[in-house]
Every structure is written in structure tokens, then in C-alpha cells.
């Protein structure tokens, strides 16, 4: 069965604020899932930190940006270990399209220098306890 395409409006107000309880439930569920697959605490990525300057620069580079899309990905040669899950941040316009001058993340036209953000600090490796 094919998925039906729905029309969504993309704007600066998409998403919702979570309660602390919701946030804690989600992060705990992630940890439990990792550990149920045999991963020990401190060996998998729980979070990733990105500084405001790189996020603001990504937004400023793309005047049509209404938000940020965060892609899950794997860095085969990551300092945290091979095949570490990492986030890639890309600006998104009001039509819901990636604003990515390199083309599309599904097939690049060129290198799109500086069109995405990645390699934040991974937690728990870089985060205080």
C-alpha cells in the first residue's frame, strides 16, 4: 500500500514545547532501546550539542529559511567510534524543501560548501555528568 501524500504548511511555529516529563520519557526510552540491543551506557550517542553561532549562520545563509530539519545519519569515521549516529542540520523553506545549494541530500549537484551543520559535541563523551 502506497503512502498518501499529505500537504503540510511549514512555518516558524511548527513543533511544540514538551513538558520536562515528556522529554525525560523520550530520552529514557531511547536509552532503554539502546541497552535492550546490548549497548552499554556510555557507548552510544544520547545527544548532540550545536552552538548558536553555527545555527544562526545556517539561518542567515538562507534568507528563505523558516526552520531547521535534523537528519539522522551515520559517520563511518567518527572520533566517537565507527558508525556513530550523528545529526546533520539543514535549513528548510516555507514549502518544506531543504535549502541546500549543493542540491539535495539524496543526490548532490556540488559540494554545497557550508550548507549544512554537523559534528556537534556528542553526549555523553563531551557532556558534563
C-alpha atoms as a PDB file:
ATOM      1  CA  UNK A   1       0.000   0.000   0.000  1.00  0.00           C
ATOM      2  CA  UNK A   2       1.466   3.365  -1.033  1.00  0.00           C
ATOM      3  CA  UNK A   3       1.601   6.175   1.473  1.00  0.00           C
ATOM      4  CA  UNK A   4      -0.713   9.047   0.682  1.00  0.00           C
ATOM      5  CA  UNK A   5       0.944  12.393   0.248  1.00  0.00           C
ATOM      6  CA  UNK A   6      -0.386  14.981   2.667  1.00  0.00           C
ATOM      7  CA  UNK A   7       0.006  18.704   2.359  1.00  0.00           C
ATOM      8  CA  UNK A   8       1.710  20.406   5.276  1.00  0.00           C
ATOM      9  CA  UNK A   9       2.357  24.064   5.939  1.00  0.00           C
ATOM     10  CA  UNK A  10       5.910  24.801   7.024  1.00  0.00           C
ATOM     11  CA  UNK A  11       6.484  27.813   9.225  1.00  0.00           C
ATOM     12  CA  UNK A  12       8.396  29.192  12.153  1.00  0.00           C
ATOM     13  CA  UNK A  13       5.884  27.853  14.705  1.00  0.00           C
ATOM     14  CA  UNK A  14       5.983  24.144  13.813  1.00  0.00           C
ATOM     15  CA  UNK A  15       6.679  21.805  16.717  1.00  0.00           C
ATOM     16  CA  UNK A  16       5.552  22.113  20.283  1.00  0.00           C
ATOM     17  CA  UNK A  17       7.095  22.658  23.647  1.00  0.00           C
ATOM     18  CA  UNK A  18       7.419  19.477  25.673  1.00  0.00           C
ATOM     19  CA  UNK A  19       6.983  19.153  29.388  1.00  0.00           C
ATOM     20  CA  UNK A  20      10.007  18.013  31.356  1.00  0.00           C
ATOM     21  CA  UNK A  21       8.184  14.719  31.963  1.00  0.00           C
ATOM     22  CA  UNK A  22       7.693  14.157  28.199  1.00  0.00           C
ATOM     23  CA  UNK A  23      11.327  14.997  27.455  1.00  0.00           C
ATOM     24  CA  UNK A  24      12.564  12.671  30.185  1.00  0.00           C
ATOM     25  CA  UNK A  25      10.277   9.867  28.995  1.00  0.00           C
ATOM     26  CA  UNK A  26      11.585  10.160  25.423  1.00  0.00           C
ATOM     27  CA  UNK A  27      15.243  10.237  26.375  1.00  0.00           C
ATOM     28  CA  UNK A  28      14.802   7.360  28.816  1.00  0.00           C
ATOM     29  CA  UNK A  29      13.014   5.330  26.124  1.00  0.00           C
ATOM     30  CA  UNK A  30      15.985   5.923  23.802  1.00  0.00           C
ATOM     31  CA  UNK A  31      18.448   4.732  26.441  1.00  0.00           C
ATOM     32  CA  UNK A  32      16.346   1.644  27.200  1.00  0.00           C
ATOM     33  CA  UNK A  33      16.121   0.835  23.491  1.00  0.00           C
ATOM     34  CA  UNK A  34      19.897   1.110  23.041  1.00  0.00           C
ATOM     35  CA  UNK A  35      20.567  -1.042  26.082  1.00  0.00           C
ATOM     36  CA  UNK A  36      17.972  -3.643  25.033  1.00  0.00           C
ATOM     37  CA  UNK A  37      20.088  -4.128  21.912  1.00  0.00           C
ATOM     38  CA  UNK A  38      23.153  -4.893  24.017  1.00  0.00           C
ATOM     39  CA  UNK A  39      24.718  -1.415  24.017  1.00  0.00           C
ATOM     40  CA  UNK A  40      26.196  -0.470  27.354  1.00  0.00           C
ATOM     41  CA  UNK A  41      25.754   3.013  28.862  1.00  0.00           C
ATOM     42  CA  UNK A  42      28.470   5.439  27.771  1.00  0.00           C
ATOM     43  CA  UNK A  43      28.977   3.541  24.473  1.00  0.00           C
ATOM     44  CA  UNK A  44      26.180   5.078  22.380  1.00  0.00           C
ATOM     45  CA  UNK A  45      25.281   8.645  21.478  1.00  0.00           C
ATOM     46  CA  UNK A  46      22.476  10.069  23.599  1.00  0.00           C
ATOM     47  CA  UNK A  47      22.526  13.643  22.324  1.00  0.00           C
ATOM     48  CA  UNK A  48      24.457  16.158  20.270  1.00  0.00           C
ATOM     49  CA  UNK A  49      25.179  19.814  21.068  1.00  0.00           C
ATOM     50  CA  UNK A  50      25.386  22.577  18.440  1.00  0.00           C
ATOM     51  CA  UNK A  51      26.420  26.151  19.206  1.00  0.00           C
ATOM     52  CA  UNK A  52      24.131  29.072  18.413  1.00  0.00           C
ATOM     53  CA  UNK A  53      26.699  30.712  16.113  1.00  0.00           C
ATOM     54  CA  UNK A  54      26.707  27.841  13.605  1.00  0.00           C
ATOM     55  CA  UNK A  55      22.907  27.555  13.745  1.00  0.00           C
ATOM     56  CA  UNK A  56      22.454  31.316  13.274  1.00  0.00           C
ATOM     57  CA  UNK A  57      24.938  31.254  10.375  1.00  0.00           C
ATOM     58  CA  UNK A  58      22.983  28.443   8.703  1.00  0.00           C
ATOM     59  CA  UNK A  59      19.787  30.505   9.021  1.00  0.00           C
ATOM     60  CA  UNK A  60      21.442  33.749   7.784  1.00  0.00           C
ATOM     61  CA  UNK A  61      22.940  31.993   4.736  1.00  0.00           C
ATOM     62  CA  UNK A  62      19.437  31.038   3.660  1.00  0.00           C
ATOM     63  CA  UNK A  63      17.046  34.035   3.713  1.00  0.00           C
ATOM     64  CA  UNK A  64      14.022  31.828   2.956  1.00  0.00           C
ATOM     65  CA  UNK A  65      14.688  29.630   5.989  1.00  0.00           C
ATOM     66  CA  UNK A  66      11.685  29.101   8.296  1.00  0.00           C
ATOM     67  CA  UNK A  67      13.182  26.249  10.306  1.00  0.00           C
ATOM     68  CA  UNK A  68      15.807  23.540  10.613  1.00  0.00           C
ATOM     69  CA  UNK A  69      15.465  19.894   9.619  1.00  0.00           C
ATOM     70  CA  UNK A  70      17.652  17.458  11.519  1.00  0.00           C
ATOM     71  CA  UNK A  71      18.610  14.313   9.674  1.00  0.00           C
ATOM     72  CA  UNK A  72      19.786  11.194  11.436  1.00  0.00           C
ATOM     73  CA  UNK A  73      22.922   9.800   9.885  1.00  0.00           C
ATOM     74  CA  UNK A  74      25.977   7.667  10.499  1.00  0.00           C
ATOM     75  CA  UNK A  75      29.568   8.835  10.369  1.00  0.00           C
ATOM     76  CA  UNK A  76      31.684   5.823   9.463  1.00  0.00           C
ATOM     77  CA  UNK A  77      34.899   7.507  10.652  1.00  0.00           C
ATOM     78  CA  UNK A  78      33.684   9.364  13.730  1.00  0.00           C
ATOM     79  CA  UNK A  79      36.101  10.099  16.603  1.00  0.00           C
ATOM     80  CA  UNK A  80      33.493   8.560  18.953  1.00  0.00           C
ATOM     81  CA  UNK A  81      33.848   5.273  17.113  1.00  0.00           C
ATOM     82  CA  UNK A  82      32.989   3.707  13.758  1.00  0.00           C
ATOM     83  CA  UNK A  83      29.432   4.158  12.515  1.00  0.00           C
ATOM     84  CA  UNK A  84      28.410   6.617  15.238  1.00  0.00           C
ATOM     85  CA  UNK A  85      24.923   8.081  14.822  1.00  0.00           C
ATOM     86  CA  UNK A  86      25.181  11.826  14.171  1.00  0.00           C
ATOM     87  CA  UNK A  87      22.827  14.671  13.298  1.00  0.00           C
ATOM     88  CA  UNK A  88      23.002  16.828  10.183  1.00  0.00           C
ATOM     89  CA  UNK A  89      21.137  20.152  10.289  1.00  0.00           C
ATOM     90  CA  UNK A  90      19.769  21.724   7.092  1.00  0.00           C
ATOM     91  CA  UNK A  91      17.771  24.927   6.581  1.00  0.00           C
ATOM     92  CA  UNK A  92      14.173  24.429   5.349  1.00  0.00           C
ATOM     93  CA  UNK A  93      11.985  26.883   3.397  1.00  0.00           C
ATOM     94  CA  UNK A  94       8.243  27.604   3.683  1.00  0.00           C
ATOM     95  CA  UNK A  95       7.482  24.884   1.114  1.00  0.00           C
ATOM     96  CA  UNK A  96       9.170  22.294   3.323  1.00  0.00           C
ATOM     97  CA  UNK A  97      12.151  21.919   0.986  1.00  0.00           C
ATOM     98  CA  UNK A  98      15.734  21.679   2.140  1.00  0.00           C
ATOM     99  CA  UNK A  99      17.568  24.895   1.336  1.00  0.00           C
ATOM    100  CA  UNK A 100      20.690  23.141   0.249  1.00  0.00           C
ATOM    101  CA  UNK A 101      22.709  24.773  -2.517  1.00  0.00           C
ATOM    102  CA  UNK A 102      24.582  21.533  -3.076  1.00  0.00           C
ATOM    103  CA  UNK A 103      21.352  20.042  -4.464  1.00  0.00           C
ATOM    104  CA  UNK A 104      19.550  17.514  -2.339  1.00  0.00           C
ATOM    105  CA  UNK A 105      20.779  15.279   0.434  1.00  0.00           C
ATOM    106  CA  UNK A 106      19.585  12.405  -1.736  1.00  0.00           C
ATOM    107  CA  UNK A 107      21.872  13.362  -4.651  1.00  0.00           C
ATOM    108  CA  UNK A 108      24.352  16.228  -4.677  1.00  0.00           C
ATOM    109  CA  UNK A 109      24.965  18.569  -7.620  1.00  0.00           C
ATOM    110  CA  UNK A 110      28.079  20.047  -5.993  1.00  0.00           C
ATOM    111  CA  UNK A 111      29.670  20.160  -2.565  1.00  0.00           C
ATOM    112  CA  UNK A 112      27.284  22.809  -1.157  1.00  0.00           C
ATOM    113  CA  UNK A 113      30.040  24.330   0.965  1.00  0.00           C
ATOM    114  CA  UNK A 114      28.643  25.311   4.371  1.00  0.00           C
ATOM    115  CA  UNK A 115      25.021  24.482   3.517  1.00  0.00           C
ATOM    116  CA  UNK A 116      24.607  22.070   6.418  1.00  0.00           C
ATOM    117  CA  UNK A 117      25.783  21.782  10.016  1.00  0.00           C
ATOM    118  CA  UNK A 118      27.176  18.688  11.684  1.00  0.00           C
ATOM    119  CA  UNK A 119      29.805  17.364  14.068  1.00  0.00           C
ATOM    120  CA  UNK A 120      28.433  18.826  17.278  1.00  0.00           C
ATOM    121  CA  UNK A 121      29.621  17.615  20.636  1.00  0.00           C
ATOM    122  CA  UNK A 122      28.286  14.140  21.328  1.00  0.00           C
ATOM    123  CA  UNK A 123      26.977  13.183  24.730  1.00  0.00           C
ATOM    124  CA  UNK A 124      27.947  11.519  26.942  1.00  0.00           C
ATOM    125  CA  UNK A 125      31.532  11.917  25.599  1.00  0.00           C
ATOM    126  CA  UNK A 126      31.599  15.721  25.751  1.00  0.00           C
ATOM    127  CA  UNK A 127      28.841  16.460  28.240  1.00  0.00           C
ATOM    128  CA  UNK A 128      29.187  17.002  31.984  1.00  0.00           C
ATOM    129  CA  UNK A 129      27.694  14.342  34.205  1.00  0.00           C
END
